[in-house]
N, C-alpha and C. Protein backbone atom coordinates (compact mmCIF):
# COMPACT_ATOMS: atom_id res chain seq x y z
N MET A 1 116.72 106.12 91.23
CA MET A 1 117.61 105.38 90.39
C MET A 1 117.56 105.99 89.00
N LEU A 2 118.71 106.25 88.41
CA LEU A 2 118.76 106.79 87.06
C LEU A 2 119.14 105.69 86.11
N LYS A 3 118.52 105.74 84.95
CA LYS A 3 118.83 104.77 83.91
C LYS A 3 119.12 105.58 82.66
N PHE A 4 120.17 105.21 81.97
CA PHE A 4 120.51 105.92 80.76
C PHE A 4 119.94 105.17 79.58
N VAL A 5 119.28 105.92 78.73
CA VAL A 5 118.65 105.34 77.56
C VAL A 5 119.38 105.85 76.33
N LYS A 6 119.71 104.96 75.45
CA LYS A 6 120.42 105.33 74.23
C LYS A 6 119.38 105.48 73.13
N VAL A 7 119.36 106.65 72.49
CA VAL A 7 118.39 106.93 71.46
C VAL A 7 119.12 107.27 70.17
N ASN A 8 118.81 106.56 69.10
CA ASN A 8 119.40 106.86 67.80
C ASN A 8 118.35 107.56 66.96
N ILE A 9 118.67 108.77 66.49
CA ILE A 9 117.73 109.50 65.65
C ILE A 9 118.49 110.12 64.50
N GLU A 10 117.78 110.42 63.43
CA GLU A 10 118.41 111.06 62.29
C GLU A 10 118.36 112.57 62.44
N ASN A 11 117.30 113.10 62.98
CA ASN A 11 117.15 114.53 63.14
C ASN A 11 116.89 114.85 64.61
N PRO A 12 117.84 115.47 65.30
CA PRO A 12 117.68 115.75 66.72
C PRO A 12 116.48 116.65 67.03
N ALA A 13 115.97 117.40 66.07
CA ALA A 13 114.82 118.26 66.31
C ALA A 13 113.56 117.44 66.60
N ALA A 14 113.58 116.16 66.22
CA ALA A 14 112.42 115.30 66.44
C ALA A 14 112.38 114.73 67.85
N LEU A 15 113.39 114.98 68.65
CA LEU A 15 113.45 114.41 69.99
C LEU A 15 112.26 114.79 70.86
N HIS A 16 111.80 116.02 70.75
CA HIS A 16 110.71 116.43 71.63
C HIS A 16 109.41 115.68 71.32
N PHE A 17 109.30 115.05 70.14
CA PHE A 17 108.13 114.24 69.84
C PHE A 17 108.24 112.84 70.46
N ILE A 18 109.47 112.38 70.64
CA ILE A 18 109.72 111.03 71.12
C ILE A 18 109.79 110.98 72.64
N MET A 19 110.47 111.94 73.21
CA MET A 19 110.72 111.91 74.65
C MET A 19 110.03 113.09 75.33
N GLN A 20 109.40 112.79 76.45
CA GLN A 20 108.67 113.82 77.19
C GLN A 20 109.58 114.57 78.16
N ASP A 21 110.71 114.00 78.54
CA ASP A 21 111.61 114.62 79.51
C ASP A 21 112.45 115.71 78.85
N ASP A 22 112.98 116.60 79.67
CA ASP A 22 113.89 117.63 79.17
C ASP A 22 115.21 116.98 78.80
N LEU A 23 115.81 117.49 77.72
CA LEU A 23 117.11 116.99 77.28
C LEU A 23 118.16 118.06 77.53
N PHE A 24 119.30 117.64 77.98
CA PHE A 24 120.40 118.56 78.21
C PHE A 24 121.60 118.06 77.43
N PHE A 25 122.17 118.96 76.63
CA PHE A 25 123.31 118.60 75.80
C PHE A 25 124.59 119.09 76.46
N LEU A 26 125.64 118.34 76.23
CA LEU A 26 126.95 118.80 76.63
C LEU A 26 127.37 119.91 75.66
N ASN A 27 128.29 120.75 76.08
CA ASN A 27 128.72 121.85 75.22
C ASN A 27 129.19 121.36 73.87
N THR A 28 129.84 120.21 73.83
CA THR A 28 130.35 119.71 72.55
C THR A 28 129.22 119.25 71.66
N ASP A 29 128.07 118.84 72.25
CA ASP A 29 126.94 118.37 71.45
C ASP A 29 126.04 119.50 70.97
N LYS A 30 126.10 120.67 71.63
CA LYS A 30 125.22 121.77 71.26
C LYS A 30 125.47 122.21 69.82
N ASN A 31 126.72 122.29 69.43
CA ASN A 31 127.03 122.70 68.04
C ASN A 31 126.53 121.66 67.06
N LEU A 32 126.70 120.41 67.39
CA LEU A 32 126.24 119.35 66.50
C LEU A 32 124.72 119.44 66.31
N TYR A 33 123.99 119.63 67.41
CA TYR A 33 122.54 119.76 67.33
C TYR A 33 122.15 120.98 66.52
N HIS A 34 122.77 122.13 66.81
CA HIS A 34 122.45 123.37 66.11
C HIS A 34 122.70 123.21 64.61
N ASN A 35 123.82 122.62 64.25
CA ASN A 35 124.15 122.44 62.84
C ASN A 35 123.15 121.51 62.16
N LYS A 36 122.68 120.47 62.83
CA LYS A 36 121.75 119.53 62.21
C LYS A 36 120.37 120.16 62.03
N VAL A 37 119.93 120.99 62.98
CA VAL A 37 118.63 121.61 62.84
C VAL A 37 118.64 122.60 61.68
N ILE A 38 119.73 123.34 61.57
CA ILE A 38 119.80 124.34 60.50
C ILE A 38 119.97 123.66 59.15
N ALA A 39 120.76 122.63 59.12
CA ALA A 39 121.02 121.98 57.85
C ALA A 39 120.35 120.62 57.82
N ALA A 40 119.05 120.59 58.05
CA ALA A 40 118.33 119.34 58.14
C ALA A 40 118.29 118.60 56.82
N ASP A 41 118.43 119.28 55.70
CA ASP A 41 118.37 118.59 54.43
C ASP A 41 119.72 118.04 53.99
N MET A 42 120.75 118.27 54.77
CA MET A 42 122.07 117.72 54.47
C MET A 42 122.11 116.27 54.91
N PRO A 43 122.98 115.46 54.31
CA PRO A 43 123.11 114.08 54.78
C PRO A 43 123.54 114.09 56.24
N VAL A 44 122.93 113.21 57.02
CA VAL A 44 123.15 113.22 58.45
C VAL A 44 123.81 111.91 58.87
N ALA A 45 124.81 112.07 59.68
CA ALA A 45 125.42 110.90 60.28
C ALA A 45 124.57 110.53 61.50
N GLU A 46 124.68 109.29 61.93
CA GLU A 46 123.90 108.86 63.09
C GLU A 46 124.35 109.63 64.33
N THR A 47 123.38 110.14 65.06
CA THR A 47 123.67 110.87 66.28
C THR A 47 123.21 110.04 67.46
N VAL A 48 124.03 109.93 68.45
CA VAL A 48 123.68 109.19 69.65
C VAL A 48 123.60 110.18 70.79
N ILE A 49 122.42 110.23 71.43
CA ILE A 49 122.22 111.13 72.56
C ILE A 49 121.85 110.26 73.76
N THR A 50 122.54 110.47 74.84
CA THR A 50 122.26 109.72 76.06
C THR A 50 121.64 110.70 77.04
N THR A 51 120.47 110.32 77.56
CA THR A 51 119.78 111.19 78.50
C THR A 51 119.37 110.39 79.74
N PRO A 52 119.51 110.99 80.91
CA PRO A 52 119.08 110.26 82.10
C PRO A 52 117.56 110.20 82.19
N VAL A 53 117.02 109.05 82.55
CA VAL A 53 115.58 108.86 82.72
C VAL A 53 115.37 108.27 84.11
N ALA A 54 114.50 108.88 84.88
CA ALA A 54 114.21 108.36 86.22
C ALA A 54 113.31 107.14 86.09
N VAL A 55 113.67 106.08 86.78
CA VAL A 55 112.88 104.85 86.76
C VAL A 55 112.45 104.55 88.20
N SER A 56 111.17 104.39 88.39
CA SER A 56 110.66 104.08 89.73
C SER A 56 110.84 102.59 89.99
N PRO A 57 111.24 102.25 91.18
CA PRO A 57 111.34 100.82 91.48
C PRO A 57 109.94 100.21 91.54
N VAL A 58 109.86 98.92 91.23
CA VAL A 58 108.58 98.22 91.27
C VAL A 58 108.27 97.91 92.73
N VAL A 59 107.07 98.31 93.14
CA VAL A 59 106.64 98.07 94.51
C VAL A 59 105.44 97.14 94.45
N GLU A 60 105.53 96.02 95.13
CA GLU A 60 104.43 95.08 95.18
C GLU A 60 103.56 95.43 96.37
N VAL A 61 102.28 95.61 96.12
CA VAL A 61 101.35 95.98 97.18
C VAL A 61 100.40 94.81 97.41
N THR A 62 100.30 94.39 98.64
CA THR A 62 99.36 93.34 99.02
C THR A 62 98.23 93.98 99.78
N VAL A 63 97.01 93.76 99.29
CA VAL A 63 95.84 94.32 99.95
C VAL A 63 95.29 93.25 100.89
N VAL A 64 95.23 93.59 102.14
CA VAL A 64 94.70 92.68 103.15
C VAL A 64 93.38 93.24 103.62
N GLU A 65 92.33 92.47 103.39
CA GLU A 65 91.02 92.92 103.83
C GLU A 65 90.87 92.67 105.32
N LYS A 66 90.41 93.69 106.00
CA LYS A 66 90.17 93.55 107.43
C LYS A 66 88.87 92.78 107.60
N PRO A 67 88.89 91.74 108.44
CA PRO A 67 87.65 90.99 108.64
C PRO A 67 86.58 91.87 109.27
N VAL A 68 85.34 91.56 108.95
CA VAL A 68 84.22 92.31 109.49
C VAL A 68 84.12 92.06 110.98
N GLU A 69 83.95 93.11 111.74
CA GLU A 69 83.76 93.01 113.19
C GLU A 69 82.29 93.30 113.50
N PHE A 70 81.76 92.59 114.46
CA PHE A 70 80.36 92.76 114.83
C PHE A 70 80.22 93.11 116.30
N LYS A 71 79.28 94.00 116.58
CA LYS A 71 78.84 94.24 117.95
C LYS A 71 77.58 93.40 118.10
N TYR A 72 77.55 92.60 119.15
CA TYR A 72 76.39 91.74 119.34
C TYR A 72 76.11 91.56 120.83
N HIS A 73 74.89 91.15 121.08
CA HIS A 73 74.42 90.92 122.45
C HIS A 73 74.44 89.42 122.69
N GLY A 74 74.94 88.99 123.84
CA GLY A 74 75.07 87.57 124.13
C GLY A 74 76.53 87.16 124.01
N LYS A 75 76.79 85.86 124.17
CA LYS A 75 78.17 85.37 124.11
C LYS A 75 78.38 84.28 123.05
N ASN A 76 77.31 83.87 122.38
CA ASN A 76 77.41 82.89 121.30
C ASN A 76 77.97 81.55 121.78
N ASN A 77 77.67 81.16 123.03
CA ASN A 77 78.21 79.92 123.58
C ASN A 77 77.71 78.66 122.89
N LYS A 78 76.47 78.70 122.36
CA LYS A 78 75.92 77.51 121.70
C LYS A 78 75.65 77.75 120.22
N ASN A 79 76.27 78.75 119.66
CA ASN A 79 76.25 79.02 118.22
C ASN A 79 74.86 79.16 117.62
N LEU A 80 73.99 79.89 118.31
CA LEU A 80 72.69 80.26 117.77
C LEU A 80 72.75 81.74 117.44
N LEU A 81 72.65 82.06 116.17
CA LEU A 81 72.72 83.45 115.71
C LEU A 81 71.30 83.96 115.49
N VAL A 82 70.98 85.09 116.13
CA VAL A 82 69.66 85.72 116.00
C VAL A 82 69.86 87.06 115.31
N LEU A 83 69.20 87.24 114.18
CA LEU A 83 69.31 88.49 113.42
C LEU A 83 68.03 89.30 113.61
N VAL A 84 68.21 90.57 113.99
CA VAL A 84 67.09 91.48 114.20
C VAL A 84 67.39 92.78 113.46
N HIS A 85 66.41 93.67 113.45
CA HIS A 85 66.59 94.97 112.79
C HIS A 85 65.90 96.06 113.61
N TYR A 86 66.71 96.89 114.27
CA TYR A 86 66.22 98.00 115.08
C TYR A 86 67.07 99.23 114.76
N PRO A 87 66.64 100.08 113.84
CA PRO A 87 67.45 101.23 113.42
C PRO A 87 67.80 102.22 114.53
N THR A 88 66.94 102.36 115.53
CA THR A 88 67.19 103.37 116.57
C THR A 88 67.82 102.79 117.84
N LEU A 89 68.05 101.48 117.88
CA LEU A 89 68.60 100.84 119.07
C LEU A 89 69.93 100.17 118.76
N GLU A 90 70.71 99.95 119.80
CA GLU A 90 71.99 99.29 119.58
C GLU A 90 71.81 97.80 119.28
N PHE A 91 70.91 97.14 120.03
CA PHE A 91 70.71 95.71 119.81
C PHE A 91 69.25 95.37 119.57
N ILE A 92 68.46 95.36 120.64
CA ILE A 92 67.07 94.91 120.56
C ILE A 92 66.25 95.67 121.62
N HIS A 93 64.98 95.88 121.33
CA HIS A 93 64.09 96.55 122.28
C HIS A 93 63.98 95.71 123.54
N GLU A 94 63.93 96.37 124.69
CA GLU A 94 63.95 95.68 125.98
C GLU A 94 62.81 94.67 126.15
N THR A 95 61.59 95.07 125.78
CA THR A 95 60.47 94.13 125.91
C THR A 95 60.61 92.96 124.93
N HIS A 96 61.18 93.21 123.78
CA HIS A 96 61.41 92.14 122.80
C HIS A 96 62.51 91.19 123.29
N LEU A 97 63.50 91.74 123.97
CA LEU A 97 64.56 90.91 124.54
C LEU A 97 63.99 89.99 125.62
N THR A 98 63.10 90.52 126.44
CA THR A 98 62.46 89.71 127.48
C THR A 98 61.67 88.56 126.84
N ALA A 99 60.93 88.87 125.79
CA ALA A 99 60.15 87.83 125.09
C ALA A 99 61.09 86.78 124.48
N LEU A 100 62.19 87.24 123.89
CA LEU A 100 63.16 86.31 123.29
C LEU A 100 63.80 85.43 124.36
N GLU A 101 64.15 86.01 125.49
CA GLU A 101 64.73 85.22 126.58
C GLU A 101 63.77 84.14 127.07
N ASN A 102 62.48 84.44 127.17
CA ASN A 102 61.47 83.46 127.58
C ASN A 102 61.38 82.32 126.55
N ILE A 103 61.44 82.66 125.29
CA ILE A 103 61.41 81.64 124.22
C ILE A 103 62.66 80.77 124.29
N LEU A 104 63.80 81.40 124.51
CA LEU A 104 65.06 80.65 124.59
C LEU A 104 65.05 79.70 125.79
N LYS A 105 64.51 80.15 126.91
CA LYS A 105 64.45 79.30 128.11
C LYS A 105 63.63 78.04 127.83
N ARG A 106 62.54 78.17 127.11
CA ARG A 106 61.71 77.01 126.76
C ARG A 106 62.49 76.00 125.91
N LYS A 107 63.48 76.51 125.17
CA LYS A 107 64.30 75.65 124.31
C LYS A 107 65.57 75.18 125.02
N GLY A 108 65.77 75.61 126.28
CA GLY A 108 66.95 75.20 127.03
C GLY A 108 68.17 76.08 126.77
N PHE A 109 67.95 77.28 126.27
CA PHE A 109 69.03 78.23 126.00
C PHE A 109 68.96 79.40 126.98
N GLU A 110 70.10 80.02 127.17
CA GLU A 110 70.18 81.27 127.92
C GLU A 110 70.68 82.35 126.97
N LEU A 111 70.62 83.59 127.43
CA LEU A 111 71.08 84.70 126.60
C LEU A 111 72.56 84.55 126.23
N ALA A 112 73.35 84.00 127.12
CA ALA A 112 74.78 83.81 126.83
C ALA A 112 75.01 82.77 125.73
N ASP A 113 74.01 81.95 125.44
CA ASP A 113 74.16 80.90 124.43
C ASP A 113 73.99 81.42 123.00
N VAL A 114 73.46 82.63 122.84
CA VAL A 114 73.15 83.16 121.51
C VAL A 114 73.97 84.42 121.23
N ALA A 115 73.95 84.80 119.97
CA ALA A 115 74.50 86.10 119.55
C ALA A 115 73.37 86.83 118.84
N ILE A 116 72.97 87.98 119.37
CA ILE A 116 71.92 88.79 118.76
C ILE A 116 72.60 89.93 118.01
N VAL A 117 72.41 89.96 116.71
CA VAL A 117 73.03 90.98 115.86
C VAL A 117 71.94 91.86 115.28
N ASN A 118 72.08 93.15 115.49
CA ASN A 118 71.16 94.13 114.93
C ASN A 118 71.69 94.53 113.55
N LEU A 119 71.09 94.01 112.50
CA LEU A 119 71.58 94.29 111.14
C LEU A 119 71.37 95.74 110.72
N ALA A 120 70.57 96.49 111.45
CA ALA A 120 70.44 97.93 111.16
C ALA A 120 71.78 98.64 111.39
N LYS A 121 72.62 98.06 112.21
CA LYS A 121 73.94 98.64 112.50
C LYS A 121 75.03 98.03 111.63
N HIS A 122 74.67 97.05 110.81
CA HIS A 122 75.62 96.37 109.93
C HIS A 122 74.96 96.18 108.56
N ASP A 123 74.56 97.27 107.93
CA ASP A 123 73.75 97.17 106.71
C ASP A 123 74.48 96.60 105.50
N ALA A 124 75.78 96.65 105.45
CA ALA A 124 76.49 96.15 104.27
C ALA A 124 76.98 94.71 104.45
N VAL A 125 76.55 94.05 105.50
CA VAL A 125 77.03 92.71 105.79
C VAL A 125 76.24 91.68 104.99
N ASN A 126 76.93 90.59 104.63
CA ASN A 126 76.24 89.52 103.91
C ASN A 126 76.28 88.24 104.74
N ILE A 127 75.57 87.24 104.25
CA ILE A 127 75.44 85.99 105.00
C ILE A 127 76.80 85.32 105.20
N ASP A 128 77.69 85.41 104.23
CA ASP A 128 79.02 84.79 104.38
C ASP A 128 79.82 85.46 105.50
N ASP A 129 79.74 86.78 105.60
CA ASP A 129 80.43 87.49 106.69
C ASP A 129 79.93 86.99 108.05
N LEU A 130 78.63 86.84 108.16
CA LEU A 130 78.03 86.40 109.42
C LEU A 130 78.44 84.98 109.77
N THR A 131 78.36 84.07 108.80
CA THR A 131 78.69 82.67 109.10
C THR A 131 80.18 82.50 109.35
N ASN A 132 81.01 83.26 108.67
CA ASN A 132 82.45 83.16 108.92
C ASN A 132 82.82 83.69 110.30
N TYR A 133 82.16 84.72 110.74
CA TYR A 133 82.48 85.33 112.03
C TYR A 133 81.91 84.52 113.20
N PHE A 134 80.62 84.19 113.13
CA PHE A 134 79.95 83.56 114.27
C PHE A 134 80.00 82.04 114.27
N LYS A 135 80.22 81.44 113.12
CA LYS A 135 80.22 79.97 113.00
C LYS A 135 78.95 79.36 113.60
N PRO A 136 77.78 79.87 113.21
CA PRO A 136 76.55 79.38 113.84
C PRO A 136 76.19 77.97 113.37
N GLN A 137 75.45 77.28 114.22
CA GLN A 137 74.86 76.00 113.84
C GLN A 137 73.38 76.20 113.51
N LYS A 138 72.80 77.26 114.13
CA LYS A 138 71.40 77.59 113.90
C LYS A 138 71.29 79.09 113.67
N LEU A 139 70.30 79.45 112.84
CA LEU A 139 70.10 80.85 112.48
C LEU A 139 68.62 81.20 112.61
N LEU A 140 68.33 82.25 113.37
CA LEU A 140 66.97 82.75 113.53
C LEU A 140 66.94 84.18 113.00
N ILE A 141 66.08 84.41 112.00
CA ILE A 141 65.96 85.73 111.38
C ILE A 141 64.58 86.28 111.71
N LEU A 142 64.55 87.40 112.43
CA LEU A 142 63.28 87.96 112.90
C LEU A 142 62.92 89.21 112.09
N GLY A 143 62.13 89.02 111.06
CA GLY A 143 61.63 90.11 110.22
C GLY A 143 62.36 90.23 108.90
N LYS A 144 61.65 90.74 107.90
CA LYS A 144 62.23 90.84 106.55
C LYS A 144 63.40 91.82 106.50
N ASN A 145 63.40 92.82 107.37
CA ASN A 145 64.52 93.77 107.38
C ASN A 145 65.79 93.18 107.98
N ALA A 146 65.65 92.04 108.64
CA ALA A 146 66.81 91.38 109.25
C ALA A 146 67.45 90.35 108.31
N LEU A 147 66.93 90.23 107.10
CA LEU A 147 67.53 89.31 106.13
C LEU A 147 68.87 89.87 105.67
N PRO A 148 69.95 89.11 105.81
CA PRO A 148 71.25 89.61 105.36
C PRO A 148 71.37 89.54 103.84
N GLN A 149 72.26 90.32 103.29
CA GLN A 149 72.51 90.30 101.85
C GLN A 149 73.07 88.94 101.46
N GLY A 150 72.70 88.48 100.27
CA GLY A 150 73.26 87.25 99.73
C GLY A 150 72.60 85.98 100.21
N ILE A 151 71.58 86.09 101.03
CA ILE A 151 70.90 84.88 101.49
C ILE A 151 69.86 84.47 100.46
N GLN A 152 69.67 83.18 100.33
CA GLN A 152 68.68 82.69 99.37
C GLN A 152 67.28 83.09 99.82
N SER A 153 66.32 82.98 98.92
CA SER A 153 64.94 83.28 99.27
C SER A 153 64.46 82.29 100.33
N LEU A 154 63.81 82.81 101.33
CA LEU A 154 63.34 81.97 102.43
C LEU A 154 61.83 82.07 102.55
N ALA A 155 61.20 80.94 102.86
CA ALA A 155 59.76 80.93 103.13
C ALA A 155 59.54 81.30 104.59
N LEU A 156 58.51 82.07 104.84
CA LEU A 156 58.20 82.54 106.18
C LEU A 156 57.71 81.38 107.05
N ASN A 157 58.29 81.25 108.24
CA ASN A 157 57.92 80.23 109.22
C ASN A 157 58.02 78.80 108.70
N VAL A 158 59.03 78.54 107.89
CA VAL A 158 59.31 77.19 107.41
C VAL A 158 60.79 76.92 107.69
N PRO A 159 61.10 76.04 108.63
CA PRO A 159 62.51 75.73 108.90
C PRO A 159 63.18 75.19 107.63
N GLN A 160 64.38 75.67 107.37
CA GLN A 160 65.10 75.31 106.16
C GLN A 160 66.58 75.17 106.46
N GLN A 161 67.28 74.52 105.56
CA GLN A 161 68.74 74.45 105.63
C GLN A 161 69.29 75.54 104.70
N VAL A 162 70.09 76.42 105.25
CA VAL A 162 70.72 77.50 104.46
C VAL A 162 72.22 77.42 104.74
N THR A 163 72.98 77.18 103.70
CA THR A 163 74.43 77.01 103.80
C THR A 163 74.82 76.11 104.97
N GLY A 164 74.07 75.01 105.11
CA GLY A 164 74.38 74.03 106.15
C GLY A 164 73.87 74.39 107.53
N LEU A 165 73.05 75.43 107.64
CA LEU A 165 72.52 75.86 108.95
C LEU A 165 71.04 75.59 109.04
N ALA A 166 70.59 75.14 110.21
CA ALA A 166 69.17 75.06 110.48
C ALA A 166 68.69 76.50 110.63
N THR A 167 67.80 76.93 109.75
CA THR A 167 67.41 78.34 109.68
C THR A 167 65.90 78.50 109.79
N LEU A 168 65.49 79.50 110.55
CA LEU A 168 64.09 79.86 110.64
C LEU A 168 63.97 81.36 110.40
N TYR A 169 63.18 81.70 109.38
CA TYR A 169 62.87 83.10 109.08
C TYR A 169 61.43 83.33 109.51
N SER A 170 61.22 84.28 110.42
CA SER A 170 59.89 84.51 110.96
C SER A 170 59.59 86.01 111.03
N PHE A 171 58.49 86.31 111.69
CA PHE A 171 58.05 87.68 111.87
C PHE A 171 59.00 88.42 112.81
N SER A 172 59.02 89.73 112.69
CA SER A 172 59.76 90.54 113.67
C SER A 172 58.93 90.60 114.95
N PHE A 173 59.59 90.96 116.04
CA PHE A 173 58.85 91.09 117.29
C PHE A 173 57.83 92.22 117.21
N ASP A 174 58.10 93.26 116.43
CA ASP A 174 57.11 94.33 116.26
C ASP A 174 55.81 93.77 115.68
N GLU A 175 55.94 92.83 114.75
CA GLU A 175 54.76 92.21 114.13
C GLU A 175 54.08 91.22 115.08
N MET A 176 54.88 90.51 115.87
CA MET A 176 54.31 89.45 116.74
C MET A 176 53.69 89.96 118.03
N MET A 177 54.18 91.05 118.57
CA MET A 177 53.78 91.46 119.92
C MET A 177 52.27 91.64 120.06
N ASP A 178 51.60 92.11 119.04
CA ASP A 178 50.15 92.36 119.13
C ASP A 178 49.33 91.36 118.31
N ASN A 179 49.95 90.28 117.85
CA ASN A 179 49.24 89.33 116.99
C ASN A 179 49.47 87.91 117.50
N ASN A 180 48.46 87.36 118.15
CA ASN A 180 48.58 86.01 118.73
C ASN A 180 48.78 84.93 117.66
N ASP A 181 48.18 85.10 116.50
CA ASP A 181 48.36 84.11 115.42
C ASP A 181 49.82 84.07 114.97
N TYR A 182 50.46 85.23 114.86
CA TYR A 182 51.87 85.28 114.48
C TYR A 182 52.74 84.64 115.56
N LYS A 183 52.40 84.89 116.83
CA LYS A 183 53.16 84.30 117.94
C LYS A 183 53.07 82.77 117.89
N LYS A 184 51.85 82.25 117.68
CA LYS A 184 51.66 80.80 117.62
C LYS A 184 52.43 80.19 116.45
N ALA A 185 52.32 80.83 115.30
CA ALA A 185 53.01 80.31 114.11
C ALA A 185 54.52 80.29 114.34
N PHE A 186 55.04 81.33 114.94
CA PHE A 186 56.47 81.40 115.23
C PHE A 186 56.87 80.32 116.23
N TRP A 187 56.12 80.18 117.33
CA TRP A 187 56.50 79.22 118.35
C TRP A 187 56.44 77.78 117.84
N GLU A 188 55.45 77.47 117.02
CA GLU A 188 55.34 76.11 116.47
C GLU A 188 56.60 75.75 115.68
N GLN A 189 57.13 76.69 114.92
CA GLN A 189 58.33 76.41 114.12
C GLN A 189 59.59 76.52 114.96
N MET A 190 59.57 77.39 115.95
CA MET A 190 60.73 77.58 116.80
C MET A 190 61.01 76.33 117.64
N LYS A 191 59.95 75.57 117.96
CA LYS A 191 60.15 74.33 118.74
C LYS A 191 61.06 73.35 118.00
N GLY A 192 61.00 73.36 116.68
CA GLY A 192 61.80 72.42 115.89
C GLY A 192 63.18 72.91 115.53
N LEU A 193 63.47 74.16 115.82
CA LEU A 193 64.81 74.72 115.46
C LEU A 193 65.86 74.27 116.45
């Protein structure tokens, strides 16, 4: 789209300071311009120069954020979210999964009732992303590396309410597997979750 701009100047030689675009004169205007530049100290009548200026149309851009997608183990049937951290695995170590399944059975849950998310594969995720996606009623965090960004400070093995969720932050399975005291402390709190 071209827009014509009307510019009133006293000395046409000053145009290159005002306008960045190239100016093109009609043959009849070339003499007028030449005479004014040469005789700049003579009284000058008002000169009107019309030049085409390209104007870009205004484009409104709406940025739509793509919701965070998660790969997880389980089906989240009973809205229990389990957060773990295994940098070299897709979800959870096989022996740790067996131990978790045994714990869940004691609580009346099956693997299909939970969603196990390996935060090592989702390092930039925060607690709001997780709660918006999974809509959990309960949250189990296994190990300090499994703490999501933006979560409040949590006491170890103390059930708490976090953003309306029954939450338990405990040891990782790596820490618990060879330590009976850690296992007991975890199970005592897990019974109440």
